[in-house]
N, C-alpha and C. Protein backbone atom coordinates (compact mmCIF):
# COMPACT_ATOMS: atom_id res chain seq x y z
N MET A 1 -9.65 -21.38 10.84
CA MET A 1 -9.34 -20.00 11.19
C MET A 1 -7.94 -19.63 10.72
N LYS A 2 -6.98 -20.52 10.94
CA LYS A 2 -5.60 -20.25 10.56
C LYS A 2 -5.48 -20.13 9.04
N LYS A 3 -6.17 -21.04 8.32
CA LYS A 3 -6.14 -20.98 6.86
C LYS A 3 -6.77 -19.69 6.36
N ARG A 4 -7.87 -19.27 6.99
CA ARG A 4 -8.54 -18.02 6.60
C ARG A 4 -7.61 -16.83 6.82
N LEU A 5 -6.92 -16.81 7.95
CA LEU A 5 -6.00 -15.72 8.24
C LEU A 5 -4.87 -15.68 7.22
N ILE A 6 -4.33 -16.82 6.88
CA ILE A 6 -3.26 -16.87 5.87
C ILE A 6 -3.78 -16.38 4.53
N PHE A 7 -5.00 -16.83 4.16
CA PHE A 7 -5.59 -16.40 2.89
C PHE A 7 -5.78 -14.89 2.86
N VAL A 8 -6.35 -14.34 3.92
CA VAL A 8 -6.59 -12.89 3.99
C VAL A 8 -5.26 -12.14 3.95
N LEU A 9 -4.27 -12.66 4.65
CA LEU A 9 -2.97 -12.02 4.67
C LEU A 9 -2.34 -11.99 3.28
N VAL A 10 -2.40 -13.10 2.60
CA VAL A 10 -1.85 -13.17 1.25
C VAL A 10 -2.60 -12.22 0.32
N MET A 11 -3.92 -12.16 0.45
CA MET A 11 -4.71 -11.26 -0.39
C MET A 11 -4.33 -9.80 -0.13
N LEU A 12 -4.21 -9.44 1.14
CA LEU A 12 -3.88 -8.06 1.47
C LEU A 12 -2.50 -7.69 0.96
N LEU A 13 -1.55 -8.56 1.22
CA LEU A 13 -0.19 -8.24 0.76
C LEU A 13 -0.16 -8.15 -0.75
N GLY A 14 -0.95 -8.97 -1.41
CA GLY A 14 -1.03 -8.89 -2.87
C GLY A 14 -1.60 -7.58 -3.32
N MET A 15 -2.69 -7.16 -2.69
CA MET A 15 -3.29 -5.88 -3.06
C MET A 15 -2.43 -4.72 -2.59
N GLY A 16 -1.84 -4.87 -1.42
CA GLY A 16 -0.97 -3.82 -0.91
C GLY A 16 0.23 -3.62 -1.81
N GLY A 17 0.66 -4.70 -2.42
CA GLY A 17 1.78 -4.63 -3.35
C GLY A 17 1.35 -4.26 -4.75
N LEU A 18 0.06 -3.98 -4.93
CA LEU A 18 -0.45 -3.64 -6.24
C LEU A 18 0.33 -2.51 -6.87
N TYR A 19 0.63 -1.50 -6.10
CA TYR A 19 1.37 -0.38 -6.66
C TYR A 19 2.78 -0.81 -7.07
N GLY A 20 3.41 -1.58 -6.22
CA GLY A 20 4.75 -2.07 -6.56
C GLY A 20 4.73 -2.92 -7.81
N VAL A 21 3.72 -3.76 -7.93
CA VAL A 21 3.59 -4.60 -9.12
C VAL A 21 3.33 -3.72 -10.33
N SER A 22 2.56 -2.67 -10.15
CA SER A 22 2.26 -1.80 -11.29
C SER A 22 3.52 -1.15 -11.83
N LEU A 23 4.56 -1.07 -11.00
CA LEU A 23 5.81 -0.51 -11.47
C LEU A 23 6.53 -1.43 -12.46
N THR A 24 6.14 -2.71 -12.47
CA THR A 24 6.86 -3.65 -13.31
C THR A 24 6.01 -4.31 -14.38
N LYS A 25 4.70 -4.09 -14.42
CA LYS A 25 3.85 -4.74 -15.39
C LYS A 25 3.70 -3.87 -16.64
N ALA A 26 3.97 -4.46 -17.79
CA ALA A 26 3.89 -3.72 -19.04
C ALA A 26 2.46 -3.31 -19.38
N GLU A 27 1.46 -4.11 -18.96
CA GLU A 27 0.09 -3.80 -19.31
C GLU A 27 -0.57 -2.82 -18.35
N ASP A 28 0.16 -2.27 -17.45
CA ASP A 28 -0.36 -1.31 -16.48
C ASP A 28 -0.94 -0.10 -17.22
N PRO A 29 -2.15 0.36 -16.83
CA PRO A 29 -2.73 1.52 -17.49
C PRO A 29 -1.88 2.78 -17.34
N ALA A 30 -0.98 2.81 -16.36
CA ALA A 30 -0.11 3.98 -16.19
C ALA A 30 1.03 3.96 -17.20
N ARG A 31 1.07 2.94 -18.07
CA ARG A 31 2.09 2.86 -19.11
C ARG A 31 1.41 2.86 -20.46
N GLU A 32 2.03 3.47 -21.40
CA GLU A 32 1.51 3.49 -22.76
C GLU A 32 2.61 3.00 -23.69
N ASN A 33 2.35 1.91 -24.39
CA ASN A 33 3.33 1.34 -25.32
C ASN A 33 4.70 1.15 -24.70
N GLY A 34 4.72 0.63 -23.47
CA GLY A 34 5.99 0.35 -22.81
C GLY A 34 6.64 1.56 -22.17
N THR A 35 5.99 2.71 -22.25
CA THR A 35 6.55 3.91 -21.62
C THR A 35 5.64 4.34 -20.48
N VAL A 36 6.17 5.12 -19.61
CA VAL A 36 5.41 5.57 -18.44
C VAL A 36 4.43 6.66 -18.85
N ASN A 37 3.18 6.53 -18.37
CA ASN A 37 2.22 7.61 -18.50
C ASN A 37 2.54 8.58 -17.37
N LYS A 38 3.36 9.55 -17.69
CA LYS A 38 3.87 10.48 -16.70
C LYS A 38 2.74 11.19 -15.95
N ASP A 39 1.67 11.52 -16.65
CA ASP A 39 0.57 12.23 -16.01
C ASP A 39 -0.08 11.40 -14.92
N ALA A 40 -0.31 10.10 -15.17
CA ALA A 40 -0.95 9.24 -14.16
C ALA A 40 -0.04 9.09 -12.95
N ALA A 41 1.25 8.88 -13.18
CA ALA A 41 2.18 8.72 -12.06
C ALA A 41 2.27 10.01 -11.24
N LYS A 42 2.37 11.14 -11.91
CA LYS A 42 2.43 12.42 -11.20
C LYS A 42 1.13 12.69 -10.46
N GLU A 43 0.01 12.34 -11.10
CA GLU A 43 -1.28 12.57 -10.46
C GLU A 43 -1.40 11.76 -9.17
N TRP A 44 -0.90 10.53 -9.17
CA TRP A 44 -0.94 9.73 -7.94
C TRP A 44 -0.08 10.40 -6.86
N GLY A 45 1.07 10.91 -7.24
CA GLY A 45 1.92 11.62 -6.28
C GLY A 45 1.23 12.85 -5.73
N ARG A 46 0.60 13.63 -6.61
CA ARG A 46 -0.13 14.84 -6.17
C ARG A 46 -1.27 14.46 -5.22
N TYR A 47 -1.98 13.41 -5.59
CA TYR A 47 -3.11 13.00 -4.76
C TYR A 47 -2.63 12.54 -3.38
N GLN A 48 -1.58 11.75 -3.35
CA GLN A 48 -1.04 11.31 -2.06
C GLN A 48 -0.64 12.51 -1.21
N ARG A 49 0.03 13.46 -1.83
CA ARG A 49 0.47 14.66 -1.10
C ARG A 49 -0.72 15.40 -0.52
N SER A 50 -1.78 15.53 -1.30
CA SER A 50 -2.92 16.32 -0.86
C SER A 50 -3.78 15.62 0.19
N THR A 51 -3.70 14.29 0.25
CA THR A 51 -4.55 13.56 1.19
C THR A 51 -3.78 12.73 2.19
N GLY A 52 -2.48 12.65 2.05
CA GLY A 52 -1.63 11.72 2.78
C GLY A 52 -1.84 11.60 4.26
N ARG A 53 -2.53 10.60 4.71
CA ARG A 53 -2.68 10.19 6.11
C ARG A 53 -2.49 11.33 7.11
N SER A 54 -3.13 12.42 6.81
CA SER A 54 -2.98 13.60 7.67
C SER A 54 -3.73 13.42 8.99
N GLY A 55 -4.76 12.59 8.95
CA GLY A 55 -5.58 12.44 10.14
C GLY A 55 -6.48 13.66 10.33
N ALA A 56 -6.48 14.55 9.32
CA ALA A 56 -7.26 15.78 9.43
C ALA A 56 -8.76 15.48 9.51
N THR A 57 -9.17 14.44 8.81
CA THR A 57 -10.57 14.09 8.85
C THR A 57 -10.78 12.87 9.74
N LYS A 58 -11.76 12.96 10.56
CA LYS A 58 -12.09 11.84 11.44
C LYS A 58 -13.38 11.17 10.99
N GLU A 59 -13.88 11.58 9.80
CA GLU A 59 -15.10 10.99 9.30
C GLU A 59 -14.88 9.49 9.09
N ILE A 60 -15.78 8.70 9.63
CA ILE A 60 -15.62 7.24 9.61
C ILE A 60 -16.38 6.64 8.44
N TYR A 61 -15.69 5.78 7.70
CA TYR A 61 -16.31 5.03 6.62
C TYR A 61 -16.90 3.74 7.18
N LEU A 62 -16.10 2.98 7.90
CA LEU A 62 -16.54 1.74 8.54
C LEU A 62 -15.88 1.62 9.91
N GLU A 63 -16.60 1.03 10.83
CA GLU A 63 -16.05 0.82 12.16
C GLU A 63 -16.38 -0.59 12.60
N GLY A 64 -15.34 -1.29 13.05
CA GLY A 64 -15.53 -2.64 13.56
C GLY A 64 -15.31 -2.66 15.05
N LYS A 65 -15.20 -3.85 15.59
CA LYS A 65 -14.99 -4.00 17.02
C LYS A 65 -13.72 -3.30 17.48
N ASP A 66 -12.63 -3.50 16.75
CA ASP A 66 -11.34 -2.94 17.14
C ASP A 66 -10.68 -2.05 16.09
N ALA A 67 -11.33 -1.86 14.97
CA ALA A 67 -10.70 -1.11 13.88
C ALA A 67 -11.63 -0.04 13.33
N VAL A 68 -11.04 1.04 12.87
CA VAL A 68 -11.79 2.14 12.27
C VAL A 68 -11.15 2.44 10.91
N ILE A 69 -12.00 2.58 9.91
CA ILE A 69 -11.54 2.96 8.57
C ILE A 69 -12.11 4.33 8.28
N THR A 70 -11.23 5.28 8.00
CA THR A 70 -11.69 6.64 7.72
C THR A 70 -12.12 6.78 6.27
N MET A 71 -12.94 7.77 6.02
CA MET A 71 -13.34 8.10 4.64
C MET A 71 -12.10 8.45 3.83
N GLU A 72 -11.16 9.14 4.46
CA GLU A 72 -9.93 9.54 3.78
C GLU A 72 -9.19 8.31 3.22
N ASP A 73 -9.05 7.27 4.03
CA ASP A 73 -8.37 6.06 3.58
C ASP A 73 -9.16 5.36 2.47
N TYR A 74 -10.47 5.28 2.63
CA TYR A 74 -11.32 4.64 1.61
C TYR A 74 -11.24 5.41 0.29
N GLU A 75 -11.42 6.72 0.34
CA GLU A 75 -11.40 7.53 -0.88
C GLU A 75 -10.04 7.48 -1.57
N ARG A 76 -8.95 7.45 -0.80
CA ARG A 76 -7.61 7.35 -1.38
C ARG A 76 -7.48 6.03 -2.14
N THR A 77 -8.02 4.97 -1.55
CA THR A 77 -7.93 3.66 -2.17
C THR A 77 -8.79 3.60 -3.44
N VAL A 78 -9.97 4.18 -3.41
CA VAL A 78 -10.81 4.25 -4.61
C VAL A 78 -10.06 4.98 -5.71
N TYR A 79 -9.46 6.09 -5.37
CA TYR A 79 -8.74 6.88 -6.36
C TYR A 79 -7.58 6.09 -6.96
N PHE A 80 -6.86 5.35 -6.13
CA PHE A 80 -5.76 4.53 -6.64
C PHE A 80 -6.27 3.53 -7.67
N PHE A 81 -7.36 2.84 -7.34
CA PHE A 81 -7.89 1.85 -8.28
C PHE A 81 -8.40 2.49 -9.56
N THR A 82 -8.95 3.70 -9.48
CA THR A 82 -9.39 4.36 -10.72
C THR A 82 -8.19 4.75 -11.57
N LEU A 83 -7.09 5.15 -10.94
CA LEU A 83 -5.88 5.45 -11.70
C LEU A 83 -5.31 4.19 -12.36
N GLN A 84 -5.63 3.02 -11.82
CA GLN A 84 -5.17 1.76 -12.40
C GLN A 84 -6.07 1.33 -13.56
N GLY A 85 -7.10 2.12 -13.85
CA GLY A 85 -7.94 1.84 -15.01
C GLY A 85 -9.30 1.25 -14.70
N MET A 86 -9.65 1.10 -13.44
CA MET A 86 -10.96 0.56 -13.09
C MET A 86 -12.03 1.63 -13.20
N GLY A 87 -13.24 1.19 -13.53
CA GLY A 87 -14.38 2.08 -13.51
C GLY A 87 -14.72 2.42 -12.06
N GLU A 88 -15.56 3.42 -11.87
CA GLU A 88 -15.88 3.89 -10.52
C GLU A 88 -16.50 2.80 -9.65
N LYS A 89 -17.46 2.06 -10.20
CA LYS A 89 -18.14 1.02 -9.42
C LYS A 89 -17.15 -0.07 -8.99
N GLN A 90 -16.35 -0.56 -9.94
CA GLN A 90 -15.39 -1.61 -9.61
C GLN A 90 -14.34 -1.10 -8.63
N ALA A 91 -13.89 0.14 -8.81
CA ALA A 91 -12.89 0.73 -7.91
C ALA A 91 -13.44 0.81 -6.49
N LYS A 92 -14.70 1.19 -6.34
CA LYS A 92 -15.31 1.28 -5.01
C LYS A 92 -15.43 -0.10 -4.37
N GLU A 93 -15.82 -1.09 -5.17
CA GLU A 93 -15.93 -2.45 -4.65
C GLU A 93 -14.57 -2.97 -4.19
N GLN A 94 -13.56 -2.80 -5.02
CA GLN A 94 -12.21 -3.27 -4.68
C GLN A 94 -11.65 -2.51 -3.49
N ALA A 95 -11.92 -1.21 -3.44
CA ALA A 95 -11.42 -0.40 -2.32
C ALA A 95 -12.03 -0.86 -1.01
N GLU A 96 -13.33 -1.18 -1.02
CA GLU A 96 -13.96 -1.64 0.22
C GLU A 96 -13.33 -2.94 0.70
N ILE A 97 -13.10 -3.86 -0.22
CA ILE A 97 -12.44 -5.12 0.14
C ILE A 97 -11.06 -4.83 0.71
N TYR A 98 -10.30 -4.00 0.02
CA TYR A 98 -8.94 -3.71 0.43
C TYR A 98 -8.87 -3.06 1.81
N VAL A 99 -9.68 -2.02 2.05
CA VAL A 99 -9.58 -1.33 3.34
C VAL A 99 -10.03 -2.22 4.49
N LYS A 100 -11.03 -3.07 4.24
CA LYS A 100 -11.47 -4.00 5.30
C LYS A 100 -10.36 -4.99 5.63
N GLU A 101 -9.76 -5.57 4.59
CA GLU A 101 -8.71 -6.55 4.84
C GLU A 101 -7.48 -5.90 5.47
N SER A 102 -7.15 -4.71 5.04
CA SER A 102 -6.01 -3.99 5.62
C SER A 102 -6.23 -3.74 7.11
N ALA A 103 -7.41 -3.24 7.44
CA ALA A 103 -7.72 -2.94 8.84
C ALA A 103 -7.70 -4.21 9.68
N ALA A 104 -8.25 -5.29 9.13
CA ALA A 104 -8.27 -6.56 9.88
C ALA A 104 -6.85 -7.07 10.11
N LEU A 105 -6.00 -6.98 9.11
CA LEU A 105 -4.63 -7.45 9.27
C LEU A 105 -3.83 -6.56 10.22
N GLU A 106 -4.02 -5.26 10.13
CA GLU A 106 -3.33 -4.35 11.05
C GLU A 106 -3.73 -4.66 12.49
N GLU A 107 -5.02 -4.90 12.70
CA GLU A 107 -5.50 -5.19 14.04
C GLU A 107 -4.99 -6.55 14.52
N GLU A 108 -4.97 -7.54 13.64
CA GLU A 108 -4.47 -8.86 14.03
C GLU A 108 -2.98 -8.80 14.37
N ALA A 109 -2.22 -8.06 13.60
CA ALA A 109 -0.79 -7.91 13.90
C ALA A 109 -0.61 -7.23 15.26
N ARG A 110 -1.41 -6.21 15.52
CA ARG A 110 -1.34 -5.51 16.82
C ARG A 110 -1.69 -6.46 17.96
N ARG A 111 -2.77 -7.23 17.77
CA ARG A 111 -3.20 -8.17 18.80
C ARG A 111 -2.14 -9.22 19.10
N GLN A 112 -1.42 -9.62 18.07
CA GLN A 112 -0.38 -10.64 18.24
C GLN A 112 0.94 -10.05 18.72
N GLY A 113 0.97 -8.74 18.92
CA GLY A 113 2.15 -8.10 19.48
C GLY A 113 3.20 -7.67 18.48
N TYR A 114 2.87 -7.65 17.21
CA TYR A 114 3.84 -7.20 16.21
C TYR A 114 3.89 -5.68 16.22
N THR A 115 5.11 -5.17 16.20
CA THR A 115 5.33 -3.72 16.18
C THR A 115 6.46 -3.43 15.20
N ALA A 116 6.70 -2.16 14.99
CA ALA A 116 7.83 -1.74 14.16
C ALA A 116 8.50 -0.56 14.85
N SER A 117 9.78 -0.71 15.11
CA SER A 117 10.52 0.37 15.75
C SER A 117 10.86 1.44 14.70
N LYS A 118 11.20 2.62 15.18
CA LYS A 118 11.61 3.69 14.26
C LYS A 118 12.81 3.25 13.44
N LYS A 119 13.72 2.51 14.07
CA LYS A 119 14.91 2.04 13.36
C LYS A 119 14.52 1.08 12.23
N GLU A 120 13.60 0.17 12.50
CA GLU A 120 13.16 -0.77 11.46
C GLU A 120 12.47 -0.04 10.30
N ILE A 121 11.67 0.95 10.64
CA ILE A 121 10.99 1.73 9.61
C ILE A 121 12.01 2.48 8.77
N GLU A 122 12.99 3.09 9.41
CA GLU A 122 14.05 3.81 8.69
C GLU A 122 14.81 2.86 7.76
N GLU A 123 15.12 1.65 8.24
CA GLU A 123 15.81 0.66 7.41
C GLU A 123 14.98 0.30 6.18
N ARG A 124 13.67 0.10 6.37
CA ARG A 124 12.81 -0.25 5.24
C ARG A 124 12.75 0.89 4.23
N ILE A 125 12.68 2.11 4.72
CA ILE A 125 12.64 3.27 3.82
C ILE A 125 13.93 3.35 3.01
N ARG A 126 15.07 3.10 3.66
CA ARG A 126 16.34 3.10 2.92
C ARG A 126 16.34 2.03 1.83
N GLU A 127 15.78 0.86 2.13
CA GLU A 127 15.67 -0.19 1.12
C GLU A 127 14.82 0.28 -0.06
N LEU A 128 13.70 0.92 0.24
CA LEU A 128 12.80 1.40 -0.81
C LEU A 128 13.45 2.50 -1.65
N GLN A 129 14.28 3.31 -1.01
CA GLN A 129 14.92 4.41 -1.72
C GLN A 129 15.96 3.93 -2.72
N ASN A 130 16.41 2.70 -2.58
CA ASN A 130 17.40 2.14 -3.50
C ASN A 130 16.69 1.72 -4.78
N MET A 131 16.64 2.63 -5.73
CA MET A 131 15.94 2.36 -6.98
C MET A 131 16.82 1.65 -8.00
N ASP A 132 18.03 1.31 -7.63
CA ASP A 132 18.93 0.65 -8.56
C ASP A 132 18.39 -0.69 -9.03
N GLU A 133 17.55 -1.33 -8.21
CA GLU A 133 17.02 -2.65 -8.54
C GLU A 133 15.86 -2.58 -9.53
N LEU A 134 15.33 -1.39 -9.80
CA LEU A 134 14.20 -1.23 -10.72
C LEU A 134 14.69 -1.11 -12.15
N ASP A 135 13.85 -1.58 -13.09
CA ASP A 135 14.17 -1.34 -14.50
C ASP A 135 13.96 0.14 -14.80
N GLU A 136 14.44 0.59 -15.94
CA GLU A 136 14.41 2.03 -16.25
C GLU A 136 13.00 2.60 -16.27
N THR A 137 12.04 1.86 -16.84
CA THR A 137 10.67 2.36 -16.90
C THR A 137 10.08 2.49 -15.50
N SER A 138 10.32 1.49 -14.66
CA SER A 138 9.80 1.53 -13.28
C SER A 138 10.45 2.66 -12.50
N LYS A 139 11.75 2.83 -12.71
CA LYS A 139 12.47 3.91 -12.03
C LYS A 139 11.88 5.27 -12.43
N LYS A 140 11.59 5.42 -13.72
CA LYS A 140 11.02 6.68 -14.21
C LYS A 140 9.64 6.92 -13.60
N MET A 141 8.84 5.84 -13.49
CA MET A 141 7.52 6.00 -12.90
C MET A 141 7.64 6.43 -11.44
N MET A 142 8.55 5.83 -10.70
CA MET A 142 8.73 6.20 -9.29
C MET A 142 9.18 7.66 -9.19
N GLU A 143 10.08 8.07 -10.07
CA GLU A 143 10.53 9.46 -10.07
C GLU A 143 9.36 10.41 -10.35
N ASP A 144 8.46 10.01 -11.25
CA ASP A 144 7.30 10.85 -11.57
C ASP A 144 6.33 10.94 -10.38
N VAL A 145 6.14 9.83 -9.68
CA VAL A 145 5.29 9.86 -8.48
C VAL A 145 5.89 10.82 -7.46
N ILE A 146 7.20 10.70 -7.24
CA ILE A 146 7.88 11.57 -6.28
C ILE A 146 7.78 13.03 -6.71
N GLU A 147 7.95 13.28 -8.01
CA GLU A 147 7.84 14.65 -8.52
C GLU A 147 6.42 15.19 -8.29
N GLY A 148 5.42 14.36 -8.57
CA GLY A 148 4.04 14.77 -8.34
C GLY A 148 3.77 15.02 -6.87
N TYR A 149 4.47 14.27 -6.03
CA TYR A 149 4.30 14.42 -4.59
C TYR A 149 4.86 15.74 -4.09
N GLY A 150 5.80 16.29 -4.84
CA GLY A 150 6.37 17.56 -4.44
C GLY A 150 7.81 17.46 -3.99
N GLY A 151 8.39 16.30 -4.13
CA GLY A 151 9.80 16.12 -3.77
C GLY A 151 10.01 14.89 -2.91
N GLU A 152 11.26 14.45 -2.90
CA GLU A 152 11.61 13.21 -2.20
C GLU A 152 11.39 13.28 -0.70
N GLU A 153 11.80 14.37 -0.08
CA GLU A 153 11.72 14.45 1.38
C GLU A 153 10.29 14.24 1.87
N GLU A 154 9.33 14.93 1.27
CA GLU A 154 7.93 14.80 1.68
C GLU A 154 7.39 13.41 1.35
N TYR A 155 7.77 12.88 0.20
CA TYR A 155 7.30 11.55 -0.19
C TYR A 155 7.76 10.49 0.81
N TRP A 156 9.03 10.53 1.18
CA TRP A 156 9.54 9.52 2.10
C TRP A 156 9.01 9.70 3.51
N LYS A 157 8.66 10.93 3.90
CA LYS A 157 7.99 11.14 5.19
C LYS A 157 6.63 10.43 5.18
N TYR A 158 5.94 10.56 4.06
CA TYR A 158 4.65 9.89 3.91
C TYR A 158 4.83 8.36 4.00
N GLN A 159 5.85 7.86 3.31
CA GLN A 159 6.07 6.41 3.32
C GLN A 159 6.39 5.91 4.74
N LYS A 160 7.03 6.71 5.54
CA LYS A 160 7.28 6.31 6.94
C LYS A 160 5.97 6.09 7.66
N LYS A 161 4.99 6.97 7.43
CA LYS A 161 3.68 6.81 8.06
C LYS A 161 3.01 5.53 7.57
N VAL A 162 3.14 5.26 6.28
CA VAL A 162 2.56 4.04 5.71
C VAL A 162 3.17 2.81 6.37
N TYR A 163 4.49 2.80 6.51
CA TYR A 163 5.18 1.62 7.04
C TYR A 163 5.03 1.46 8.55
N GLU A 164 4.59 2.48 9.24
CA GLU A 164 4.25 2.31 10.66
C GLU A 164 3.14 1.28 10.80
N LYS A 165 2.22 1.26 9.84
CA LYS A 165 1.12 0.30 9.85
C LYS A 165 1.49 -0.98 9.09
N LEU A 166 2.18 -0.82 7.98
CA LEU A 166 2.44 -1.96 7.09
C LEU A 166 3.52 -2.91 7.61
N LEU A 167 4.56 -2.39 8.22
CA LEU A 167 5.68 -3.24 8.65
C LEU A 167 5.26 -4.30 9.67
N PRO A 168 4.45 -3.98 10.68
CA PRO A 168 4.01 -5.05 11.59
C PRO A 168 3.25 -6.16 10.85
N VAL A 169 2.44 -5.79 9.86
CA VAL A 169 1.71 -6.79 9.07
C VAL A 169 2.69 -7.63 8.27
N GLU A 170 3.70 -7.00 7.67
CA GLU A 170 4.71 -7.75 6.92
C GLU A 170 5.46 -8.72 7.83
N LYS A 171 5.75 -8.30 9.04
CA LYS A 171 6.45 -9.18 9.99
C LYS A 171 5.57 -10.38 10.35
N MET A 172 4.29 -10.13 10.57
CA MET A 172 3.37 -11.21 10.87
C MET A 172 3.28 -12.17 9.68
N ALA A 173 3.22 -11.62 8.47
CA ALA A 173 3.14 -12.46 7.27
C ALA A 173 4.39 -13.32 7.12
N ALA A 174 5.54 -12.74 7.39
CA ALA A 174 6.80 -13.51 7.29
C ALA A 174 6.80 -14.66 8.29
N ASP A 175 6.34 -14.41 9.50
CA ASP A 175 6.27 -15.48 10.50
C ASP A 175 5.27 -16.55 10.09
N LEU A 176 4.14 -16.15 9.53
CA LEU A 176 3.15 -17.13 9.07
C LEU A 176 3.70 -17.98 7.92
N ARG A 177 4.44 -17.35 7.02
CA ARG A 177 5.07 -18.10 5.92
C ARG A 177 6.03 -19.14 6.46
N LYS A 178 6.85 -18.75 7.43
CA LYS A 178 7.81 -19.68 8.04
C LYS A 178 7.08 -20.85 8.68
N LYS A 179 6.02 -20.56 9.44
CA LYS A 179 5.25 -21.62 10.09
C LYS A 179 4.61 -22.54 9.06
N PHE A 180 4.09 -21.96 7.99
CA PHE A 180 3.46 -22.75 6.96
C PHE A 180 4.47 -23.63 6.23
N GLN A 181 5.66 -23.09 5.99
CA GLN A 181 6.71 -23.88 5.30
C GLN A 181 7.16 -25.03 6.17
N LYS A 182 7.18 -24.84 7.48
CA LYS A 182 7.56 -25.92 8.39
C LYS A 182 6.49 -27.00 8.44
N ASP A 183 5.22 -26.55 8.50
CA ASP A 183 4.12 -27.49 8.64
C ASP A 183 2.94 -27.02 7.79
N PRO A 184 2.88 -27.44 6.52
CA PRO A 184 1.80 -26.98 5.64
C PRO A 184 0.40 -27.41 6.09
N GLN A 185 0.30 -28.34 6.98
CA GLN A 185 -1.01 -28.79 7.47
C GLN A 185 -1.57 -27.78 8.43
């Protein structure tokens, strides 16, 4: 069970970081010949703005014992994978895996008592806003996403909502890594 949880956690964080990784991979479909495909980056920003975790729709895609996945979250994930260059069928398959694992990890973090204070979320957002650590192409892509989103203020408000769910999972993952490093068995 513990190994399965670690595996699922690593998979989710890997997929959750897919966007971050896409900012640094040269073969990313959002880049053309080493340059940013401005349209794809802006389109992702526009899409996030138009659908961003509003909670407006309560239509359920999947429901488990303790977790609910909305159609809005599933469709957003499908769209992200299609922007990464996947065909519709593959994007839907990957999105289903991703949303299930995300919901399971969020619920496990909640069950284990992991939370994120407003102060912790604000600190993480400040870290993310520091684009000095990004290479020029990645920085330009992030700027295009923000521009597509409609501006920095709205984009970072959205990211706060994302990190309300993501930060407890990250904290749980960090603790699991520490435990695993102490005792790999």
